[in-house]
Amino acid sequence: MNCLICRHGTYVPGKVTVKPERGDAIILIRDVEAEVCDICGNYVIDQATTRKLLEIADERFNTGTELEIIKLKSA
């Protein structure tokens, strides 16, 4: 599939860092499996992984975290 942003690259399996923010709080979630454009770096994350990321972020934000770096564990 061609990249949705640059329209020239192709998506290849890779890992990215996702940065959810809420107010002044930021969480960096590293090693997230995604399909990454080989030209511009745009990425697409599957629905199950997105759900997991949202759960992690909500949990951390609700405990008052202001800054945290997490390495995502593979299933």
PDB file of N, CA and C in Angstrom:
ATOM      1  N   MET A   1       0.844  -1.180   0.000  1.00  0.00           N
ATOM      2  CA  MET A   1       0.000   0.000   0.000  1.00  0.00           C
ATOM      3  C   MET A   1       0.886   1.238   0.000  1.00  0.00           C
ATOM      4  N   ASN A   2       0.530   2.213  -0.840  1.00  0.00           N
ATOM      5  CA  ASN A   2       1.282   3.464  -0.871  1.00  0.00           C
ATOM      6  C   ASN A   2       0.964   4.311   0.348  1.00  0.00           C
ATOM      7  N   CYS A   3       1.927   5.114   0.758  1.00  0.00           N
ATOM      8  CA  CYS A   3       1.785   5.979   1.931  1.00  0.00           C
ATOM      9  C   CYS A   3       0.623   6.951   1.751  1.00  0.00           C
ATOM     10  N   LEU A   4      -0.139   7.120   2.816  1.00  0.00           N
ATOM     11  CA  LEU A   4      -1.286   8.021   2.794  1.00  0.00           C
ATOM     12  C   LEU A   4      -0.867   9.490   2.802  1.00  0.00           C
ATOM     13  N   ILE A   5       0.356   9.785   3.221  1.00  0.00           N
ATOM     14  CA  ILE A   5       0.830  11.166   3.308  1.00  0.00           C
ATOM     15  C   ILE A   5       1.651  11.569   2.082  1.00  0.00           C
ATOM     16  N   CYS A   6       2.778  10.895   1.848  1.00  0.00           N
ATOM     17  CA  CYS A   6       3.655  11.299   0.737  1.00  0.00           C
ATOM     18  C   CYS A   6       3.247  10.669  -0.594  1.00  0.00           C
ATOM     19  N   ARG A   7       2.473   9.605  -0.538  1.00  0.00           N
ATOM     20  CA  ARG A   7       1.953   8.895  -1.709  1.00  0.00           C
ATOM     21  C   ARG A   7       3.026   8.227  -2.588  1.00  0.00           C
ATOM     22  N   HIS A   8       4.273   8.229  -2.119  1.00  0.00           N
ATOM     23  CA  HIS A   8       5.352   7.620  -2.898  1.00  0.00           C
ATOM     24  C   HIS A   8       5.962   6.411  -2.196  1.00  0.00           C
ATOM     25  N   GLY A   9       6.006   6.458  -0.886  1.00  0.00           N
ATOM     26  CA  GLY A   9       6.621   5.375  -0.114  1.00  0.00           C
ATOM     27  C   GLY A   9       5.668   4.203   0.076  1.00  0.00           C
ATOM     28  N   THR A  10       6.240   3.122   0.555  1.00  0.00           N
ATOM     29  CA  THR A  10       5.439   1.943   0.892  1.00  0.00           C
ATOM     30  C   THR A  10       5.608   1.675   2.379  1.00  0.00           C
ATOM     31  N   TYR A  11       4.576   1.090   2.968  1.00  0.00           N
ATOM     32  CA  TYR A  11       4.625   0.763   4.385  1.00  0.00           C
ATOM     33  C   TYR A  11       5.380  -0.540   4.600  1.00  0.00           C
ATOM     34  N   VAL A  12       6.292  -0.502   5.560  1.00  0.00           N
ATOM     35  CA  VAL A  12       7.058  -1.681   5.949  1.00  0.00           C
ATOM     36  C   VAL A  12       6.943  -1.839   7.471  1.00  0.00           C
ATOM     37  N   PRO A  13       7.040  -3.073   7.974  1.00  0.00           N
ATOM     38  CA  PRO A  13       6.956  -3.263   9.421  1.00  0.00           C
ATOM     39  C   PRO A  13       8.097  -2.542  10.139  1.00  0.00           C
ATOM     40  N   GLY A  14       7.773  -1.932  11.257  1.00  0.00           N
ATOM     41  CA  GLY A  14       8.783  -1.229  12.037  1.00  0.00           C
ATOM     42  C   GLY A  14       8.273  -0.932  13.435  1.00  0.00           C
ATOM     43  N   LYS A  15       9.040  -0.148  14.169  1.00  0.00           N
ATOM     44  CA  LYS A  15       8.648   0.254  15.517  1.00  0.00           C
ATOM     45  C   LYS A  15       8.747   1.772  15.614  1.00  0.00           C
ATOM     46  N   VAL A  16       7.807   2.351  16.362  1.00  0.00           N
ATOM     47  CA  VAL A  16       7.743   3.802  16.516  1.00  0.00           C
ATOM     48  C   VAL A  16       7.563   4.154  17.988  1.00  0.00           C
ATOM     49  N   THR A  17       7.706   5.428  18.287  1.00  0.00           N
ATOM     50  CA  THR A  17       7.399   5.967  19.603  1.00  0.00           C
ATOM     51  C   THR A  17       6.139   6.804  19.475  1.00  0.00           C
ATOM     52  N   VAL A  18       5.164   6.537  20.339  1.00  0.00           N
ATOM     53  CA  VAL A  18       3.891   7.251  20.331  1.00  0.00           C
ATOM     54  C   VAL A  18       3.883   8.189  21.532  1.00  0.00           C
ATOM     55  N   LYS A  19       3.354   9.401  21.346  1.00  0.00           N
ATOM     56  CA  LYS A  19       3.406  10.415  22.396  1.00  0.00           C
ATOM     57  C   LYS A  19       2.012  10.956  22.716  1.00  0.00           C
ATOM     58  N   PRO A  20       1.209  10.223  23.514  1.00  0.00           N
ATOM     59  CA  PRO A  20      -0.077  10.767  23.918  1.00  0.00           C
ATOM     60  C   PRO A  20       0.120  11.927  24.909  1.00  0.00           C
ATOM     61  N   GLU A  21      -0.709  12.958  24.759  1.00  0.00           N
ATOM     62  CA  GLU A  21      -0.652  14.117  25.638  1.00  0.00           C
ATOM     63  C   GLU A  21      -2.045  14.426  26.158  1.00  0.00           C
ATOM     64  N   ARG A  22      -2.099  14.865  27.409  1.00  0.00           N
ATOM     65  CA  ARG A  22      -3.356  15.332  27.980  1.00  0.00           C
ATOM     66  C   ARG A  22      -3.006  16.510  28.878  1.00  0.00           C
ATOM     67  N   GLY A  23      -3.471  17.702  28.496  1.00  0.00           N
ATOM     68  CA  GLY A  23      -3.084  18.902  29.238  1.00  0.00           C
ATOM     69  C   GLY A  23      -1.583  19.068  29.159  1.00  0.00           C
ATOM     70  N   ASP A  24      -0.936  19.187  30.341  1.00  0.00           N
ATOM     71  CA  ASP A  24       0.520  19.323  30.394  1.00  0.00           C
ATOM     72  C   ASP A  24       1.234  17.989  30.540  1.00  0.00           C
ATOM     73  N   ALA A  25       0.484  16.889  30.615  1.00  0.00           N
ATOM     74  CA  ALA A  25       1.080  15.564  30.819  1.00  0.00           C
ATOM     75  C   ALA A  25       1.436  14.920  29.479  1.00  0.00           C
ATOM     76  N   ILE A  26       2.583  14.237  29.470  1.00  0.00           N
ATOM     77  CA  ILE A  26       3.064  13.560  28.260  1.00  0.00           C
ATOM     78  C   ILE A  26       3.551  12.168  28.643  1.00  0.00           C
ATOM     79  N   ILE A  27       3.195  11.195  27.824  1.00  0.00           N
ATOM     80  CA  ILE A  27       3.697   9.834  28.001  1.00  0.00           C
ATOM     81  C   ILE A  27       4.338   9.410  26.686  1.00  0.00           C
ATOM     82  N   LEU A  28       5.547   8.913  26.757  1.00  0.00           N
ATOM     83  CA  LEU A  28       6.209   8.375  25.575  1.00  0.00           C
ATOM     84  C   LEU A  28       6.137   6.858  25.654  1.00  0.00           C
ATOM     85  N   ILE A  29       5.543   6.252  24.649  1.00  0.00           N
ATOM     86  CA  ILE A  29       5.442   4.792  24.604  1.00  0.00           C
ATOM     87  C   ILE A  29       6.317   4.322  23.451  1.00  0.00           C
ATOM     88  N   ARG A  30       7.407   3.644  23.790  1.00  0.00           N
ATOM     89  CA  ARG A  30       8.409   3.233  22.813  1.00  0.00           C
ATOM     90  C   ARG A  30       8.168   1.818  22.318  1.00  0.00           C
ATOM     91  N   ASP A  31       8.787   1.507  21.195  1.00  0.00           N
ATOM     92  CA  ASP A  31       8.776   0.157  20.603  1.00  0.00           C
ATOM     93  C   ASP A  31       7.370  -0.320  20.239  1.00  0.00           C
ATOM     94  N   VAL A  32       6.563   0.588  19.714  1.00  0.00           N
ATOM     95  CA  VAL A  32       5.211   0.244  19.272  1.00  0.00           C
ATOM     96  C   VAL A  32       5.299  -0.287  17.846  1.00  0.00           C
ATOM     97  N   GLU A  33       4.816  -1.499  17.629  1.00  0.00           N
ATOM     98  CA  GLU A  33       4.842  -2.072  16.287  1.00  0.00           C
ATOM     99  C   GLU A  33       3.856  -1.336  15.391  1.00  0.00           C
ATOM    100  N   ALA A  34       4.329  -1.001  14.186  1.00  0.00           N
ATOM    101  CA  ALA A  34       3.513  -0.234  13.244  1.00  0.00           C
ATOM    102  C   ALA A  34       3.978  -0.522  11.826  1.00  0.00           C
ATOM    103  N   GLU A  35       3.201  -0.063  10.882  1.00  0.00           N
ATOM    104  CA  GLU A  35       3.607  -0.063   9.484  1.00  0.00           C
ATOM    105  C   GLU A  35       4.132   1.342   9.211  1.00  0.00           C
ATOM    106  N   VAL A  36       5.407   1.456   8.800  1.00  0.00           N
ATOM    107  CA  VAL A  36       6.082   2.745   8.686  1.00  0.00           C
ATOM    108  C   VAL A  36       6.460   3.000   7.223  1.00  0.00           C
ATOM    109  N   CYS A  37       6.166   4.216   6.741  1.00  0.00           N
ATOM    110  CA  CYS A  37       6.527   4.580   5.360  1.00  0.00           C
ATOM    111  C   CYS A  37       8.041   4.614   5.231  1.00  0.00           C
ATOM    112  N   ASP A  38       8.557   3.971   4.198  1.00  0.00           N
ATOM    113  CA  ASP A  38      10.001   3.911   3.992  1.00  0.00           C
ATOM    114  C   ASP A  38      10.587   5.207   3.447  1.00  0.00           C
ATOM    115  N   ILE A  39       9.736   6.189   3.137  1.00  0.00           N
ATOM    116  CA  ILE A  39      10.243   7.467   2.657  1.00  0.00           C
ATOM    117  C   ILE A  39      10.050   8.583   3.690  1.00  0.00           C
ATOM    118  N   CYS A  40       8.805   8.809   4.124  1.00  0.00           N
ATOM    119  CA  CYS A  40       8.533   9.961   4.995  1.00  0.00           C
ATOM    120  C   CYS A  40       8.412   9.619   6.476  1.00  0.00           C
ATOM    121  N   GLY A  41       8.290   8.339   6.825  1.00  0.00           N
ATOM    122  CA  GLY A  41       8.203   7.955   8.228  1.00  0.00           C
ATOM    123  C   GLY A  41       6.801   7.958   8.807  1.00  0.00           C
ATOM    124  N   ASN A  42       5.796   8.324   8.011  1.00  0.00           N
ATOM    125  CA  ASN A  42       4.414   8.234   8.497  1.00  0.00           C
ATOM    126  C   ASN A  42       4.149   6.794   8.914  1.00  0.00           C
ATOM    127  N   TYR A  43       3.329   6.627   9.945  1.00  0.00           N
ATOM    128  CA  TYR A  43       3.062   5.264  10.391  1.00  0.00           C
ATOM    129  C   TYR A  43       1.584   5.020  10.635  1.00  0.00           C
ATOM    130  N   VAL A  44       1.219   3.736  10.581  1.00  0.00           N
ATOM    131  CA  VAL A  44      -0.144   3.284  10.824  1.00  0.00           C
ATOM    132  C   VAL A  44      -0.062   2.179  11.870  1.00  0.00           C
ATOM    133  N   ILE A  45      -0.925   2.282  12.892  1.00  0.00           N
ATOM    134  CA  ILE A  45      -0.955   1.301  13.974  1.00  0.00           C
ATOM    135  C   ILE A  45      -2.277   0.559  13.900  1.00  0.00           C
ATOM    136  N   ASP A  46      -2.241  -0.764  14.083  1.00  0.00           N
ATOM    137  CA  ASP A  46      -3.479  -1.542  13.992  1.00  0.00           C
ATOM    138  C   ASP A  46      -4.412  -1.231  15.166  1.00  0.00           C
ATOM    139  N   GLN A  47      -5.663  -1.633  15.013  1.00  0.00           N
ATOM    140  CA  GLN A  47      -6.715  -1.298  15.969  1.00  0.00           C
ATOM    141  C   GLN A  47      -6.460  -1.882  17.363  1.00  0.00           C
ATOM    142  N   ALA A  48      -6.015  -3.115  17.442  1.00  0.00           N
ATOM    143  CA  ALA A  48      -5.769  -3.749  18.742  1.00  0.00           C
ATOM    144  C   ALA A  48      -4.654  -3.024  19.503  1.00  0.00           C
ATOM    145  N   THR A  49      -3.592  -2.665  18.798  1.00  0.00           N
ATOM    146  CA  THR A  49      -2.484  -1.951  19.435  1.00  0.00           C
ATOM    147  C   THR A  49      -2.928  -0.562  19.865  1.00  0.00           C
ATOM    148  N   THR A  50      -3.710   0.102  19.037  1.00  0.00           N
ATOM    149  CA  THR A  50      -4.221   1.429  19.385  1.00  0.00           C
ATOM    150  C   THR A  50      -5.049   1.361  20.661  1.00  0.00           C
ATOM    151  N   ARG A  51      -5.900   0.350  20.761  1.00  0.00           N
ATOM    152  CA  ARG A  51      -6.714   0.168  21.967  1.00  0.00           C
ATOM    153  C   ARG A  51      -5.822   0.007  23.206  1.00  0.00           C
ATOM    154  N   LYS A  52      -4.775  -0.810  23.067  1.00  0.00           N
ATOM    155  CA  LYS A  52      -3.846  -1.039  24.172  1.00  0.00           C
ATOM    156  C   LYS A  52      -3.140   0.263  24.565  1.00  0.00           C
ATOM    157  N   LEU A  53      -2.724   1.052  23.584  1.00  0.00           N
ATOM    158  CA  LEU A  53      -2.053   2.321  23.853  1.00  0.00           C
ATOM    159  C   LEU A  53      -2.969   3.285  24.590  1.00  0.00           C
ATOM    160  N   LEU A  54      -4.226   3.344  24.174  1.00  0.00           N
ATOM    161  CA  LEU A  54      -5.191   4.234  24.828  1.00  0.00           C
ATOM    162  C   LEU A  54      -5.442   3.812  26.273  1.00  0.00           C
ATOM    163  N   GLU A  55      -5.509   2.511  26.514  1.00  0.00           N
ATOM    164  CA  GLU A  55      -5.697   2.015  27.879  1.00  0.00           C
ATOM    165  C   GLU A  55      -4.506   2.387  28.761  1.00  0.00           C
ATOM    166  N   ILE A  56      -3.307   2.198  28.249  1.00  0.00           N
ATOM    167  CA  ILE A  56      -2.095   2.544  28.999  1.00  0.00           C
ATOM    168  C   ILE A  56      -2.078   4.037  29.308  1.00  0.00           C
ATOM    169  N   ALA A  57      -2.345   4.857  28.303  1.00  0.00           N
ATOM    170  CA  ALA A  57      -2.323   6.307  28.489  1.00  0.00           C
ATOM    171  C   ALA A  57      -3.369   6.747  29.504  1.00  0.00           C
ATOM    172  N   ASP A  58      -4.600   6.256  29.383  1.00  0.00           N
ATOM    173  CA  ASP A  58      -5.654   6.629  30.333  1.00  0.00           C
ATOM    174  C   ASP A  58      -5.272   6.262  31.757  1.00  0.00           C
ATOM    175  N   GLU A  59      -4.744   5.052  31.926  1.00  0.00           N
ATOM    176  CA  GLU A  59      -4.332   4.595  33.258  1.00  0.00           C
ATOM    177  C   GLU A  59      -3.289   5.529  33.860  1.00  0.00           C
ATOM    178  N   ARG A  60      -2.281   5.883  33.068  1.00  0.00           N
ATOM    179  CA  ARG A  60      -1.201   6.745  33.566  1.00  0.00           C
ATOM    180  C   ARG A  60      -1.696   8.168  33.834  1.00  0.00           C
ATOM    181  N   PHE A  61      -2.494   8.723  32.922  1.00  0.00           N
ATOM    182  CA  PHE A  61      -3.007  10.076  33.123  1.00  0.00           C
ATOM    183  C   PHE A  61      -3.894  10.147  34.364  1.00  0.00           C
ATOM    184  N   ASN A  62      -4.700   9.111  34.587  1.00  0.00           N
ATOM    185  CA  ASN A  62      -5.615   9.105  35.726  1.00  0.00           C
ATOM    186  C   ASN A  62      -4.900   8.970  37.070  1.00  0.00           C
ATOM    187  N   THR A  63      -3.645   8.528  37.063  1.00  0.00           N
ATOM    188  CA  THR A  63      -2.883   8.446  38.309  1.00  0.00           C
ATOM    189  C   THR A  63      -2.061   9.707  38.552  1.00  0.00           C
ATOM    190  N   GLY A  64      -2.195  10.689  37.667  1.00  0.00           N
ATOM    191  CA  GLY A  64      -1.502  11.959  37.862  1.00  0.00           C
ATOM    192  C   GLY A  64      -0.125  12.045  37.244  1.00  0.00           C
ATOM    193  N   THR A  65       0.222  11.117  36.394  1.00  0.00           N
ATOM    194  CA  THR A  65       1.522  11.149  35.728  1.00  0.00           C
ATOM    195  C   THR A  65       1.656  12.417  34.889  1.00  0.00           C
ATOM    196  N   GLU A  66       2.810  13.069  35.012  1.00  0.00           N
ATOM    197  CA  GLU A  66       3.071  14.251  34.189  1.00  0.00           C
ATOM    198  C   GLU A  66       4.035  13.939  33.049  1.00  0.00           C
ATOM    199  N   LEU A  67       4.981  13.037  33.301  1.00  0.00           N
ATOM    200  CA  LEU A  67       5.930  12.627  32.271  1.00  0.00           C
ATOM    201  C   LEU A  67       6.361  11.200  32.572  1.00  0.00           C
ATOM    202  N   GLU A  68       6.227  10.336  31.576  1.00  0.00           N
ATOM    203  CA  GLU A  68       6.636   8.945  31.768  1.00  0.00           C
ATOM    204  C   GLU A  68       7.067   8.371  30.426  1.00  0.00           C
ATOM    205  N   ILE A  69       8.089   7.520  30.473  1.00  0.00           N
ATOM    206  CA  ILE A  69       8.538   6.816  29.274  1.00  0.00           C
ATOM    207  C   ILE A  69       8.333   5.334  29.515  1.00  0.00           C
ATOM    208  N   ILE A  70       7.610   4.698  28.598  1.00  0.00           N
ATOM    209  CA  ILE A  70       7.256   3.284  28.732  1.00  0.00           C
ATOM    210  C   ILE A  70       7.750   2.543  27.495  1.00  0.00           C
ATOM    211  N   LYS A  71       8.302   1.364  27.689  1.00  0.00           N
ATOM    212  CA  LYS A  71       8.651   0.491  26.572  1.00  0.00           C
ATOM    213  C   LYS A  71       7.524  -0.529  26.454  1.00  0.00           C
ATOM    214  N   LEU A  72       6.829  -0.531  25.337  1.00  0.00           N
ATOM    215  CA  LEU A  72       5.693  -1.433  25.140  1.00  0.00           C
ATOM    216  C   LEU A  72       6.188  -2.866  25.043  1.00  0.00           C
ATOM    217  N   LYS A  73       5.564  -3.737  25.798  1.00  0.00           N
ATOM    218  CA  LYS A  73       5.916  -5.162  25.767  1.00  0.00           C
ATOM    219  C   LYS A  73       5.099  -5.840  24.677  1.00  0.00           C
ATOM    220  N   SER A  74       5.747  -6.626  23.859  1.00  0.00           N
ATOM    221  CA  SER A  74       5.047  -7.357  22.798  1.00  0.00           C
ATOM    222  C   SER A  74       4.175  -8.430  23.403  1.00  0.00           C
ATOM    223  N   ALA A  75       3.073  -8.713  22.688  1.00  0.00           N
ATOM    224  CA  ALA A  75       2.125  -9.727  23.187  1.00  0.00           C
ATOM    225  C   ALA A  75       2.665 -11.120  23.016  1.00  0.00           C
TER     226      ALA A  75
END
